C-alpha atoms as a PDB file:
ATOM      1  CA  UNK A   1     130.241 140.037 200.065  1.00  0.00           C
ATOM      2  CA  UNK A   2     130.902 136.807 199.259  1.00  0.00           C
ATOM      3  CA  UNK A   3     133.707 135.896 197.264  1.00  0.00           C
ATOM      4  CA  UNK A   4     132.647 134.691 194.244  1.00  0.00           C
ATOM      5  CA  UNK A   5     134.067 130.832 193.680  1.00  0.00           C
ATOM      6  CA  UNK A   6     136.175 130.376 190.202  1.00  0.00           C
ATOM      7  CA  UNK A   7     137.595 127.979 187.939  1.00  0.00           C
ATOM      8  CA  UNK A   8     140.811 129.455 189.715  1.00  0.00           C
ATOM      9  CA  UNK A   9     139.743 129.022 192.863  1.00  0.00           C
ATOM     10  CA  UNK A  10     138.775 125.365 192.349  1.00  0.00           C
ATOM     11  CA  UNK A  11     142.346 125.155 190.143  1.00  0.00           C
ATOM     12  CA  UNK A  12     143.972 126.525 192.941  1.00  0.00           C
ATOM     13  CA  UNK A  13     142.548 123.559 195.971  1.00  0.00           C
ATOM     14  CA  UNK A  14     143.321 120.750 193.219  1.00  0.00           C
ATOM     15  CA  UNK A  15     146.987 121.891 192.561  1.00  0.00           C
ATOM     16  CA  UNK A  16     145.663 121.278 188.785  1.00  0.00           C
ATOM     17  CA  UNK A  17     146.143 123.952 185.484  1.00  0.00           C
ATOM     18  CA  UNK A  18     142.747 125.743 184.715  1.00  0.00           C
ATOM     19  CA  UNK A  19     143.224 124.072 181.555  1.00  0.00           C
ATOM     20  CA  UNK A  20     142.480 121.168 183.566  1.00  0.00           C
ATOM     21  CA  UNK A  21     139.632 122.260 185.181  1.00  0.00           C
ATOM     22  CA  UNK A  22     138.113 123.274 181.959  1.00  0.00           C
ATOM     23  CA  UNK A  23     138.265 119.485 180.763  1.00  0.00           C
ATOM     24  CA  UNK A  24     137.197 118.058 183.724  1.00  0.00           C
ATOM     25  CA  UNK A  25     134.032 120.514 183.048  1.00  0.00           C
ATOM     26  CA  UNK A  26     133.357 119.850 179.910  1.00  0.00           C
ATOM     27  CA  UNK A  27     134.194 115.961 179.888  1.00  0.00           C
ATOM     28  CA  UNK A  28     137.874 116.402 177.825  1.00  0.00           C
ATOM     29  CA  UNK A  29     140.303 113.768 178.903  1.00  0.00           C
ATOM     30  CA  UNK A  30     141.792 114.059 181.937  1.00  0.00           C
ATOM     31  CA  UNK A  31     143.722 111.262 184.773  1.00  0.00           C
ATOM     32  CA  UNK A  32     141.131 109.739 187.585  1.00  0.00           C
ATOM     33  CA  UNK A  33     143.522 111.017 189.902  1.00  0.00           C
ATOM     34  CA  UNK A  34     143.075 114.531 188.912  1.00  0.00           C
ATOM     35  CA  UNK A  35     139.409 114.136 188.285  1.00  0.00           C
ATOM     36  CA  UNK A  36     139.365 112.468 192.138  1.00  0.00           C
ATOM     37  CA  UNK A  37     141.000 115.691 193.046  1.00  0.00           C
ATOM     38  CA  UNK A  38     139.167 117.877 190.818  1.00  0.00           C
ATOM     39  CA  UNK A  39     135.543 116.721 192.057  1.00  0.00           C
ATOM     40  CA  UNK A  40     136.906 117.110 195.789  1.00  0.00           C
ATOM     41  CA  UNK A  41     137.525 120.808 194.983  1.00  0.00           C
ATOM     42  CA  UNK A  42     134.589 121.515 193.448  1.00  0.00           C
ATOM     43  CA  UNK A  43     133.042 120.030 195.944  1.00  0.00           C
ATOM     44  CA  UNK A  44     134.379 121.947 199.012  1.00  0.00           C
ATOM     45  CA  UNK A  45     134.003 125.144 197.554  1.00  0.00           C
ATOM     46  CA  UNK A  46     130.533 124.634 195.940  1.00  0.00           C
ATOM     47  CA  UNK A  47     131.626 125.920 192.389  1.00  0.00           C
ATOM     48  CA  UNK A  48     129.064 125.603 189.918  1.00  0.00           C
ATOM     49  CA  UNK A  49     128.964 126.054 186.347  1.00  0.00           C
ATOM     50  CA  UNK A  50     125.904 126.617 184.349  1.00  0.00           C
ATOM     51  CA  UNK A  51     125.805 125.490 180.541  1.00  0.00           C
ATOM     52  CA  UNK A  52     122.405 127.686 180.399  1.00  0.00           C
ATOM     53  CA  UNK A  53     124.031 131.047 181.739  1.00  0.00           C
ATOM     54  CA  UNK A  54     127.303 130.594 179.894  1.00  0.00           C
ATOM     55  CA  UNK A  55     125.333 130.440 176.988  1.00  0.00           C
ATOM     56  CA  UNK A  56     123.502 134.011 178.017  1.00  0.00           C
ATOM     57  CA  UNK A  57     126.793 134.817 177.720  1.00  0.00           C
ATOM     58  CA  UNK A  58     129.166 133.005 174.928  1.00  0.00           C
ATOM     59  CA  UNK A  59     125.388 132.532 172.760  1.00  0.00           C
ATOM     60  CA  UNK A  60     127.039 128.977 172.930  1.00  0.00           C
ATOM     61  CA  UNK A  61     126.771 126.213 175.162  1.00  0.00           C
ATOM     62  CA  UNK A  62     129.394 123.623 173.948  1.00  0.00           C
ATOM     63  CA  UNK A  63     126.197 120.765 173.819  1.00  0.00           C
ATOM     64  CA  UNK A  64     125.610 118.577 170.659  1.00  0.00           C
ATOM     65  CA  UNK A  65     122.438 117.017 170.465  1.00  0.00           C
ATOM     66  CA  UNK A  66     122.926 113.656 169.101  1.00  0.00           C
ATOM     67  CA  UNK A  67     119.544 111.452 167.631  1.00  0.00           C
ATOM     68  CA  UNK A  68     119.979 107.876 167.025  1.00  0.00           C
ATOM     69  CA  UNK A  69     118.166 104.983 166.094  1.00  0.00           C
ATOM     70  CA  UNK A  70     118.235 102.299 169.369  1.00  0.00           C
ATOM     71  CA  UNK A  71     121.131 101.598 170.922  1.00  0.00           C
ATOM     72  CA  UNK A  72     121.315  98.077 170.778  1.00  0.00           C
ATOM     73  CA  UNK A  73     123.277  98.120 167.977  1.00  0.00           C
ATOM     74  CA  UNK A  74     126.820  98.424 167.643  1.00  0.00           C
ATOM     75  CA  UNK A  75     126.536 100.009 164.478  1.00  0.00           C
ATOM     76  CA  UNK A  76     125.397 102.875 166.778  1.00  0.00           C
ATOM     77  CA  UNK A  77     127.980 102.349 169.274  1.00  0.00           C
ATOM     78  CA  UNK A  78     130.384 102.363 167.584  1.00  0.00           C
ATOM     79  CA  UNK A  79     129.656 105.890 165.150  1.00  0.00           C
ATOM     80  CA  UNK A  80     129.088 107.278 168.727  1.00  0.00           C
ATOM     81  CA  UNK A  81     132.636 106.234 169.914  1.00  0.00           C
ATOM     82  CA  UNK A  82     133.761 108.194 167.068  1.00  0.00           C
ATOM     83  CA  UNK A  83     131.744 111.378 167.712  1.00  0.00           C
ATOM     84  CA  UNK A  84     132.158 111.569 171.022  1.00  0.00           C
ATOM     85  CA  UNK A  85     136.751 110.681 170.529  1.00  0.00           C
ATOM     86  CA  UNK A  86     136.173 114.423 168.114  1.00  0.00           C
ATOM     87  CA  UNK A  87     134.094 116.446 170.474  1.00  0.00           C
ATOM     88  CA  UNK A  88     134.982 115.734 173.648  1.00  0.00           C
ATOM     89  CA  UNK A  89     138.799 117.188 173.536  1.00  0.00           C
ATOM     90  CA  UNK A  90     136.985 120.365 171.482  1.00  0.00           C
ATOM     91  CA  UNK A  91     135.136 120.576 174.868  1.00  0.00           C
ATOM     92  CA  UNK A  92     131.923 119.621 173.525  1.00  0.00           C
ATOM     93  CA  UNK A  93     129.576 117.545 175.308  1.00  0.00           C
ATOM     94  CA  UNK A  94     126.955 115.490 173.901  1.00  0.00           C
ATOM     95  CA  UNK A  95     122.981 115.155 174.757  1.00  0.00           C
ATOM     96  CA  UNK A  96     121.763 111.757 173.306  1.00  0.00           C
ATOM     97  CA  UNK A  97     117.859 110.667 172.981  1.00  0.00           C
ATOM     98  CA  UNK A  98     117.000 107.532 171.245  1.00  0.00           C
ATOM     99  CA  UNK A  99     114.095 107.109 168.446  1.00  0.00           C
ATOM    100  CA  UNK A 100     113.354 103.243 168.363  1.00  0.00           C
ATOM    101  CA  UNK A 101     113.448 103.517 164.820  1.00  0.00           C
ATOM    102  CA  UNK A 102     110.727 105.941 164.491  1.00  0.00           C
ATOM    103  CA  UNK A 103     110.010 108.323 162.018  1.00  0.00           C
ATOM    104  CA  UNK A 104     107.681 110.363 164.505  1.00  0.00           C
ATOM    105  CA  UNK A 105     109.994 110.131 167.664  1.00  0.00           C
ATOM    106  CA  UNK A 106     113.189 110.872 165.683  1.00  0.00           C
ATOM    107  CA  UNK A 107     111.587 114.688 165.141  1.00  0.00           C
ATOM    108  CA  UNK A 108     110.109 114.784 168.424  1.00  0.00           C
ATOM    109  CA  UNK A 109     113.804 114.210 169.892  1.00  0.00           C
ATOM    110  CA  UNK A 110     115.243 116.886 167.030  1.00  0.00           C
ATOM    111  CA  UNK A 111     112.611 119.483 168.753  1.00  0.00           C
ATOM    112  CA  UNK A 112     113.818 118.870 171.659  1.00  0.00           C
ATOM    113  CA  UNK A 113     117.070 118.983 171.809  1.00  0.00           C
ATOM    114  CA  UNK A 114     116.283 122.604 169.464  1.00  0.00           C
ATOM    115  CA  UNK A 115     114.473 123.684 172.670  1.00  0.00           C
ATOM    116  CA  UNK A 116     116.890 122.674 175.217  1.00  0.00           C
ATOM    117  CA  UNK A 117     119.329 125.308 173.685  1.00  0.00           C
ATOM    118  CA  UNK A 118     121.062 123.084 172.123  1.00  0.00           C
ATOM    119  CA  UNK A 119     124.236 124.240 169.064  1.00  0.00           C
ATOM    120  CA  UNK A 120     124.116 121.829 166.563  1.00  0.00           C
ATOM    121  CA  UNK A 121     122.118 118.437 166.226  1.00  0.00           C
ATOM    122  CA  UNK A 122     123.110 115.443 164.766  1.00  0.00           C
ATOM    123  CA  UNK A 123     120.867 112.604 163.103  1.00  0.00           C
ATOM    124  CA  UNK A 124     121.356 109.098 162.472  1.00  0.00           C
ATOM    125  CA  UNK A 125     118.656 109.257 160.682  1.00  0.00           C
ATOM    126  CA  UNK A 126     115.761 106.329 159.662  1.00  0.00           C
ATOM    127  CA  UNK A 127     115.012 108.281 156.751  1.00  0.00           C
ATOM    128  CA  UNK A 128     114.114 112.214 155.463  1.00  0.00           C
ATOM    129  CA  UNK A 129     110.790 112.870 154.777  1.00  0.00           C
ATOM    130  CA  UNK A 130     109.958 116.905 153.566  1.00  0.00           C
ATOM    131  CA  UNK A 131     110.207 117.578 157.324  1.00  0.00           C
ATOM    132  CA  UNK A 132     113.275 117.179 157.928  1.00  0.00           C
ATOM    133  CA  UNK A 133     114.428 118.686 155.060  1.00  0.00           C
ATOM    134  CA  UNK A 134     112.392 122.327 156.361  1.00  0.00           C
ATOM    135  CA  UNK A 135     114.152 122.196 159.891  1.00  0.00           C
ATOM    136  CA  UNK A 136     117.125 122.037 158.396  1.00  0.00           C
ATOM    137  CA  UNK A 137     116.607 125.044 156.165  1.00  0.00           C
ATOM    138  CA  UNK A 138     114.557 127.170 158.730  1.00  0.00           C
ATOM    139  CA  UNK A 139     115.784 126.225 162.214  1.00  0.00           C
ATOM    140  CA  UNK A 140     119.334 129.020 163.574  1.00  0.00           C
ATOM    141  CA  UNK A 141     121.385 125.950 164.398  1.00  0.00           C
ATOM    142  CA  UNK A 142     123.476 123.475 161.848  1.00  0.00           C
ATOM    143  CA  UNK A 143     121.709 120.231 161.270  1.00  0.00           C
ATOM    144  CA  UNK A 144     123.596 116.553 159.930  1.00  0.00           C
ATOM    145  CA  UNK A 145     121.687 113.583 158.719  1.00  0.00           C
ATOM    146  CA  UNK A 146     124.076 110.220 158.519  1.00  0.00           C
ATOM    147  CA  UNK A 147     122.812 106.982 157.350  1.00  0.00           C
ATOM    148  CA  UNK A 148     120.615 108.491 154.555  1.00  0.00           C
ATOM    149  CA  UNK A 149     121.069 110.691 151.852  1.00  0.00           C
ATOM    150  CA  UNK A 150     119.105 113.640 150.734  1.00  0.00           C
ATOM    151  CA  UNK A 151     120.107 116.164 148.092  1.00  0.00           C
ATOM    152  CA  UNK A 152     118.860 119.633 150.104  1.00  0.00           C
ATOM    153  CA  UNK A 153     120.118 118.667 153.413  1.00  0.00           C
ATOM    154  CA  UNK A 154     123.733 118.224 154.714  1.00  0.00           C
ATOM    155  CA  UNK A 155     124.454 114.062 155.231  1.00  0.00           C
ATOM    156  CA  UNK A 156     126.779 111.586 155.233  1.00  0.00           C
ATOM    157  CA  UNK A 157     126.729 107.882 154.570  1.00  0.00           C
ATOM    158  CA  UNK A 158     128.521 105.646 153.298  1.00  0.00           C
ATOM    159  CA  UNK A 159     127.669 104.508 149.640  1.00  0.00           C
ATOM    160  CA  UNK A 160     125.331 101.397 150.244  1.00  0.00           C
ATOM    161  CA  UNK A 161     125.201 100.513 146.072  1.00  0.00           C
ATOM    162  CA  UNK A 162     128.460 100.168 145.640  1.00  0.00           C
ATOM    163  CA  UNK A 163     128.259  97.862 149.113  1.00  0.00           C
ATOM    164  CA  UNK A 164     125.530  95.664 147.497  1.00  0.00           C
ATOM    165  CA  UNK A 165     127.720  95.898 144.142  1.00  0.00           C
ATOM    166  CA  UNK A 166     130.146  94.692 145.521  1.00  0.00           C
ATOM    167  CA  UNK A 167     128.359  91.965 146.955  1.00  0.00           C
ATOM    168  CA  UNK A 168     126.396  90.830 144.324  1.00  0.00           C
ATOM    169  CA  UNK A 169     129.394  90.553 141.966  1.00  0.00           C
ATOM    170  CA  UNK A 170     130.867  88.757 144.260  1.00  0.00           C
ATOM    171  CA  UNK A 171     128.372  86.087 145.071  1.00  0.00           C
ATOM    172  CA  UNK A 172     128.205  85.770 140.637  1.00  0.00           C
ATOM    173  CA  UNK A 173     131.625  85.167 140.266  1.00  0.00           C
ATOM    174  CA  UNK A 174     131.083  82.498 142.941  1.00  0.00           C
ATOM    175  CA  UNK A 175     128.947  80.463 140.737  1.00  0.00           C
ATOM    176  CA  UNK A 176     125.225  81.737 143.006  1.00  0.00           C
ATOM    177  CA  UNK A 177     122.050  82.065 140.730  1.00  0.00           C
ATOM    178  CA  UNK A 178     119.348  81.651 143.000  1.00  0.00           C
ATOM    179  CA  UNK A 179     119.671  84.450 146.194  1.00  0.00           C
ATOM    180  CA  UNK A 180     117.413  85.646 149.375  1.00  0.00           C
ATOM    181  CA  UNK A 181     117.492  89.289 150.219  1.00  0.00           C
ATOM    182  CA  UNK A 182     116.981  89.270 154.169  1.00  0.00           C
ATOM    183  CA  UNK A 183     116.191  92.566 154.920  1.00  0.00           C
ATOM    184  CA  UNK A 184     114.214  95.648 156.098  1.00  0.00           C
ATOM    185  CA  UNK A 185     111.268  97.354 154.727  1.00  0.00           C
ATOM    186  CA  UNK A 186     111.821 100.622 152.365  1.00  0.00           C
ATOM    187  CA  UNK A 187     111.119 103.240 154.721  1.00  0.00           C
ATOM    188  CA  UNK A 188     115.146 103.115 154.961  1.00  0.00           C
ATOM    189  CA  UNK A 189     115.897 104.148 151.526  1.00  0.00           C
ATOM    190  CA  UNK A 190     119.855 103.637 152.265  1.00  0.00           C
ATOM    191  CA  UNK A 191     119.029  99.495 153.528  1.00  0.00           C
ATOM    192  CA  UNK A 192     116.311  98.897 152.536  1.00  0.00           C
ATOM    193  CA  UNK A 193     116.549 100.481 149.225  1.00  0.00           C
ATOM    194  CA  UNK A 194     120.187 101.166 147.683  1.00  0.00           C
ATOM    195  CA  UNK A 195     121.855  97.830 149.763  1.00  0.00           C
ATOM    196  CA  UNK A 196     119.570  95.454 148.191  1.00  0.00           C
ATOM    197  CA  UNK A 197     118.808  97.335 144.260  1.00  0.00           C
ATOM    198  CA  UNK A 198     123.161  97.928 144.329  1.00  0.00           C
ATOM    199  CA  UNK A 199     122.820  93.393 145.567  1.00  0.00           C
ATOM    200  CA  UNK A 200     120.118  92.603 142.439  1.00  0.00           C
ATOM    201  CA  UNK A 201     122.838  94.870 139.179  1.00  0.00           C
ATOM    202  CA  UNK A 202     125.521  93.780 140.614  1.00  0.00           C
ATOM    203  CA  UNK A 203     124.163  90.469 141.247  1.00  0.00           C
ATOM    204  CA  UNK A 204     121.335  89.791 137.814  1.00  0.00           C
ATOM    205  CA  UNK A 205     123.677  91.962 135.725  1.00  0.00           C
ATOM    206  CA  UNK A 206     121.422  91.057 132.461  1.00  0.00           C
ATOM    207  CA  UNK A 207     121.081  87.682 133.285  1.00  0.00           C
ATOM    208  CA  UNK A 208     118.316  85.999 132.181  1.00  0.00           C
ATOM    209  CA  UNK A 209     119.048  82.313 134.709  1.00  0.00           C
ATOM    210  CA  UNK A 210     119.247  85.064 138.225  1.00  0.00           C
ATOM    211  CA  UNK A 211     116.896  84.882 140.924  1.00  0.00           C
ATOM    212  CA  UNK A 212     116.354  87.333 143.856  1.00  0.00           C
ATOM    213  CA  UNK A 213     114.033  86.394 146.398  1.00  0.00           C
ATOM    214  CA  UNK A 214     113.308  89.530 149.708  1.00  0.00           C
ATOM    215  CA  UNK A 215     112.007  87.782 152.784  1.00  0.00           C
ATOM    216  CA  UNK A 216     111.397  90.833 154.984  1.00  0.00           C
ATOM    217  CA  UNK A 217     112.884  90.997 158.546  1.00  0.00           C
ATOM    218  CA  UNK A 218     113.878  93.817 161.285  1.00  0.00           C
ATOM    219  CA  UNK A 219     116.984  94.804 162.455  1.00  0.00           C
ATOM    220  CA  UNK A 220     117.104  93.331 164.950  1.00  0.00           C
ATOM    221  CA  UNK A 221     118.715  89.085 165.181  1.00  0.00           C
ATOM    222  CA  UNK A 222     115.399  87.556 166.560  1.00  0.00           C
ATOM    223  CA  UNK A 223     113.389  88.835 163.903  1.00  0.00           C
ATOM    224  CA  UNK A 224     115.702  87.666 161.055  1.00  0.00           C
ATOM    225  CA  UNK A 225     115.660  83.948 163.595  1.00  0.00           C
ATOM    226  CA  UNK A 226     111.850  84.248 162.858  1.00  0.00           C
ATOM    227  CA  UNK A 227     112.146  84.588 159.164  1.00  0.00           C
ATOM    228  CA  UNK A 228     114.922  82.389 158.931  1.00  0.00           C
ATOM    229  CA  UNK A 229     112.162  79.023 158.549  1.00  0.00           C
ATOM    230  CA  UNK A 230     110.509  81.093 155.520  1.00  0.00           C
ATOM    231  CA  UNK A 231     113.596  81.819 153.968  1.00  0.00           C
ATOM    232  CA  UNK A 232     114.247  78.242 154.209  1.00  0.00           C
ATOM    233  CA  UNK A 233     111.371  77.327 151.944  1.00  0.00           C
ATOM    234  CA  UNK A 234     112.270  79.600 149.467  1.00  0.00           C
ATOM    235  CA  UNK A 235     115.441  76.852 149.038  1.00  0.00           C
ATOM    236  CA  UNK A 236     117.965  79.839 147.290  1.00  0.00           C
ATOM    237  CA  UNK A 237     121.493  78.370 147.228  1.00  0.00           C
ATOM    238  CA  UNK A 238     122.581  82.063 149.085  1.00  0.00           C
ATOM    239  CA  UNK A 239     120.494  84.451 151.921  1.00  0.00           C
ATOM    240  CA  UNK A 240     122.411  87.904 151.771  1.00  0.00           C
ATOM    241  CA  UNK A 241     121.455  89.533 155.215  1.00  0.00           C
ATOM    242  CA  UNK A 242     120.614  93.473 154.245  1.00  0.00           C
ATOM    243  CA  UNK A 243     123.001  93.512 158.027  1.00  0.00           C
ATOM    244  CA  UNK A 244     124.765  90.669 159.721  1.00  0.00           C
ATOM    245  CA  UNK A 245     122.766  91.704 163.053  1.00  0.00           C
ATOM    246  CA  UNK A 246     120.383  89.615 160.389  1.00  0.00           C
ATOM    247  CA  UNK A 247     122.403  86.747 158.507  1.00  0.00           C
ATOM    248  CA  UNK A 248     124.082  86.313 161.912  1.00  0.00           C
ATOM    249  CA  UNK A 249     120.267  85.581 163.168  1.00  0.00           C
ATOM    250  CA  UNK A 250     119.425  83.236 160.256  1.00  0.00           C
ATOM    251  CA  UNK A 251     122.885  80.918 160.612  1.00  0.00           C
ATOM    252  CA  UNK A 252     121.422  80.783 164.180  1.00  0.00           C
ATOM    253  CA  UNK A 253     118.369  79.108 162.964  1.00  0.00           C
ATOM    254  CA  UNK A 254     119.930  76.714 160.465  1.00  0.00           C
ATOM    255  CA  UNK A 255     122.686  75.901 162.728  1.00  0.00           C
ATOM    256  CA  UNK A 256     119.854  74.748 165.239  1.00  0.00           C
ATOM    257  CA  UNK A 257     117.760  73.117 162.490  1.00  0.00           C
ATOM    258  CA  UNK A 258     121.034  71.137 161.591  1.00  0.00           C
ATOM    259  CA  UNK A 259     121.017  73.130 158.068  1.00  0.00           C
ATOM    260  CA  UNK A 260     124.892  72.876 157.567  1.00  0.00           C
ATOM    261  CA  UNK A 261     126.627  76.196 155.986  1.00  0.00           C
ATOM    262  CA  UNK A 262     127.955  76.772 153.623  1.00  0.00           C
ATOM    263  CA  UNK A 263     127.481  73.257 152.362  1.00  0.00           C
ATOM    264  CA  UNK A 264     123.485  72.915 152.165  1.00  0.00           C
ATOM    265  CA  UNK A 265     123.106  76.956 151.990  1.00  0.00           C
ATOM    266  CA  UNK A 266     125.707  80.371 152.100  1.00  0.00           C
ATOM    267  CA  UNK A 267     125.129  83.506 154.357  1.00  0.00           C
ATOM    268  CA  UNK A 268     126.619  86.498 153.432  1.00  0.00           C
ATOM    269  CA  UNK A 269     126.182  90.243 155.823  1.00  0.00           C
ATOM    270  CA  UNK A 270     126.901  93.113 155.519  1.00  0.00           C
ATOM    271  CA  UNK A 271     128.572  95.619 158.296  1.00  0.00           C
ATOM    272  CA  UNK A 272     131.383  93.753 159.711  1.00  0.00           C
ATOM    273  CA  UNK A 273     131.094  93.164 163.437  1.00  0.00           C
ATOM    274  CA  UNK A 274     133.438  91.857 165.112  1.00  0.00           C
ATOM    275  CA  UNK A 275     130.907  88.754 166.206  1.00  0.00           C
ATOM    276  CA  UNK A 276     130.820  87.837 162.349  1.00  0.00           C
ATOM    277  CA  UNK A 277     134.480  86.608 163.240  1.00  0.00           C
ATOM    278  CA  UNK A 278     133.735  84.429 165.460  1.00  0.00           C
ATOM    279  CA  UNK A 279     130.682  82.722 165.088  1.00  0.00           C
ATOM    280  CA  UNK A 280     131.021  79.132 162.719  1.00  0.00           C
ATOM    281  CA  UNK A 281     131.316  79.793 160.079  1.00  0.00           C
ATOM    282  CA  UNK A 282     133.151  83.244 159.628  1.00  0.00           C
ATOM    283  CA  UNK A 283     130.468  85.095 157.905  1.00  0.00           C
ATOM    284  CA  UNK A 284     131.884  86.567 154.836  1.00  0.00           C
ATOM    285  CA  UNK A 285     131.047  90.424 155.055  1.00  0.00           C
ATOM    286  CA  UNK A 286     130.936  94.317 153.195  1.00  0.00           C
ATOM    287  CA  UNK A 287     132.843  95.669 156.242  1.00  0.00           C
ATOM    288  CA  UNK A 288     131.970  99.750 157.080  1.00  0.00           C
ATOM    289  CA  UNK A 289     133.810 101.517 159.061  1.00  0.00           C
ATOM    290  CA  UNK A 290     131.315 103.111 162.258  1.00  0.00           C
ATOM    291  CA  UNK A 291     133.841 104.723 164.066  1.00  0.00           C
ATOM    292  CA  UNK A 292     135.274 106.615 161.646  1.00  0.00           C
ATOM    293  CA  UNK A 293     131.847 107.613 159.814  1.00  0.00           C
ATOM    294  CA  UNK A 294     131.032 108.849 163.634  1.00  0.00           C
ATOM    295  CA  UNK A 295     134.759 110.680 163.398  1.00  0.00           C
ATOM    296  CA  UNK A 296     133.595 112.559 160.399  1.00  0.00           C
ATOM    297  CA  UNK A 297     130.538 113.202 161.419  1.00  0.00           C
ATOM    298  CA  UNK A 298     131.814 115.328 163.692  1.00  0.00           C
ATOM    299  CA  UNK A 299     134.158 116.764 162.325  1.00  0.00           C
ATOM    300  CA  UNK A 300     131.866 117.561 159.530  1.00  0.00           C
ATOM    301  CA  UNK A 301     129.426 119.337 162.703  1.00  0.00           C
ATOM    302  CA  UNK A 302     132.544 121.258 164.116  1.00  0.00           C
ATOM    303  CA  UNK A 303     133.388 122.301 160.067  1.00  0.00           C
ATOM    304  CA  UNK A 304     129.195 124.108 159.764  1.00  0.00           C
ATOM    305  CA  UNK A 305     129.607 126.027 163.220  1.00  0.00           C
ATOM    306  CA  UNK A 306     132.648 127.420 162.173  1.00  0.00           C
ATOM    307  CA  UNK A 307     130.695 128.370 159.284  1.00  0.00           C
ATOM    308  CA  UNK A 308     133.128 126.177 156.691  1.00  0.00           C
ATOM    309  CA  UNK A 309     130.851 123.631 154.226  1.00  0.00           C
ATOM    310  CA  UNK A 310     131.366 120.137 153.319  1.00  0.00           C
ATOM    311  CA  UNK A 311     134.810 120.858 150.731  1.00  0.00           C
ATOM    312  CA  UNK A 312     136.327 121.463 155.001  1.00  0.00           C
ATOM    313  CA  UNK A 313     135.959 117.613 155.201  1.00  0.00           C
ATOM    314  CA  UNK A 314     136.704 114.778 153.261  1.00  0.00           C
ATOM    315  CA  UNK A 315     133.476 112.070 153.165  1.00  0.00           C
ATOM    316  CA  UNK A 316     134.833 109.260 151.357  1.00  0.00           C
ATOM    317  CA  UNK A 317     133.787 106.234 153.326  1.00  0.00           C
ATOM    318  CA  UNK A 318     136.574 103.245 152.384  1.00  0.00           C
ATOM    319  CA  UNK A 319     133.903  99.607 151.992  1.00  0.00           C
ATOM    320  CA  UNK A 320     135.727  96.535 152.989  1.00  0.00           C
ATOM    321  CA  UNK A 321     135.244  93.247 151.482  1.00  0.00           C
ATOM    322  CA  UNK A 322     136.182  90.754 153.925  1.00  0.00           C
ATOM    323  CA  UNK A 323     135.916  86.457 152.435  1.00  0.00           C
ATOM    324  CA  UNK A 324     135.786  84.403 155.014  1.00  0.00           C
ATOM    325  CA  UNK A 325     134.392  80.597 155.302  1.00  0.00           C
ATOM    326  CA  UNK A 326     130.334  81.069 154.688  1.00  0.00           C
ATOM    327  CA  UNK A 327     129.745  80.515 150.734  1.00  0.00           C
ATOM    328  CA  UNK A 328     129.993  78.211 148.899  1.00  0.00           C
ATOM    329  CA  UNK A 329     131.870  77.787 145.817  1.00  0.00           C
ATOM    330  CA  UNK A 330     129.393  76.374 143.256  1.00  0.00           C
ATOM    331  CA  UNK A 331     132.144  76.455 140.225  1.00  0.00           C
ATOM    332  CA  UNK A 332     134.016  73.441 141.623  1.00  0.00           C
ATOM    333  CA  UNK A 333     133.037  70.200 144.352  1.00  0.00           C
ATOM    334  CA  UNK A 334     133.604  72.224 147.592  1.00  0.00           C
ATOM    335  CA  UNK A 335     136.308  72.654 150.134  1.00  0.00           C
ATOM    336  CA  UNK A 336     136.677  74.754 152.621  1.00  0.00           C
ATOM    337  CA  UNK A 337     138.704  77.816 152.535  1.00  0.00           C
ATOM    338  CA  UNK A 338     139.827  78.751 156.341  1.00  0.00           C
ATOM    339  CA  UNK A 339     142.020  81.695 155.547  1.00  0.00           C
ATOM    340  CA  UNK A 340     139.761  85.334 155.210  1.00  0.00           C
ATOM    341  CA  UNK A 341     141.064  87.077 152.315  1.00  0.00           C
ATOM    342  CA  UNK A 342     140.377  91.551 152.820  1.00  0.00           C
ATOM    343  CA  UNK A 343     140.525  93.191 150.343  1.00  0.00           C
ATOM    344  CA  UNK A 344     139.663  97.809 149.961  1.00  0.00           C
ATOM    345  CA  UNK A 345     137.038  98.652 147.199  1.00  0.00           C
ATOM    346  CA  UNK A 346     138.099 101.459 145.267  1.00  0.00           C
END
């Protein structure tokens, strides 16, 4: 009778513990040297681990489906790093699908993941529709949406309105009266509506001499770059990019055209991307900890799988205001202060 190869057999041949083999199979951390020993032992013994066979036995696949809006994004990369940091030590693997910023594709990807038998789905959503809500209620697996807010489903997001308001108050205090908010469409409620409305409230705050114009861009650097001439024609004292990526595209265009920042026009953003600290001038921004958000999202998913609710997860997301060199103080003669200041918002 043919002997069925087990994890114990692989462990003995590789000279490691069974838990080390298990971590290898679940993509957990083990040293490179042990990885190679386990890999060779698996090849020699012909051992196979079938997740779907495991699911039939345990009703648990140890797979988490993740739907991302795009992959070419600093924020998505950090979010994913945070998710992985929490899920891997718990023995979970991720299946990643990308929606290319399409709500329809996002729903299609959720359907695919459900059919593949994942234990839970995490969606970094471009917008929560009634169909998103229906699935969260009707499907028999936990679903968590990040990046957007809806009272009827499990959500985790930063406070976009508070971030926008903080930037608006700062620019008002710096003496600016005319801003252009360069941002995405209102189909993205978090960035397209909440962040913008928070900014307008903080910037205007009852002032009759304050004005905010809106210019639509995409999320990417190049769409912002291509809209920069239209922004320039409006002639504001400050351009507010809905994300740092948008602001960097505008900064690049201004640099190429000899428009001095901040002497001729100020530019600010949201996100706190590392590149914002090394461009010239360094970008004033409201920074978000996307890796921490990913860790909190993964912890939230694990709690849902264990039958616990959101009360088991600390959902507070800190915002950091980072003042650098890209804003002119309109209250006095301009003087460049190269030092950056950071203060945590309450």
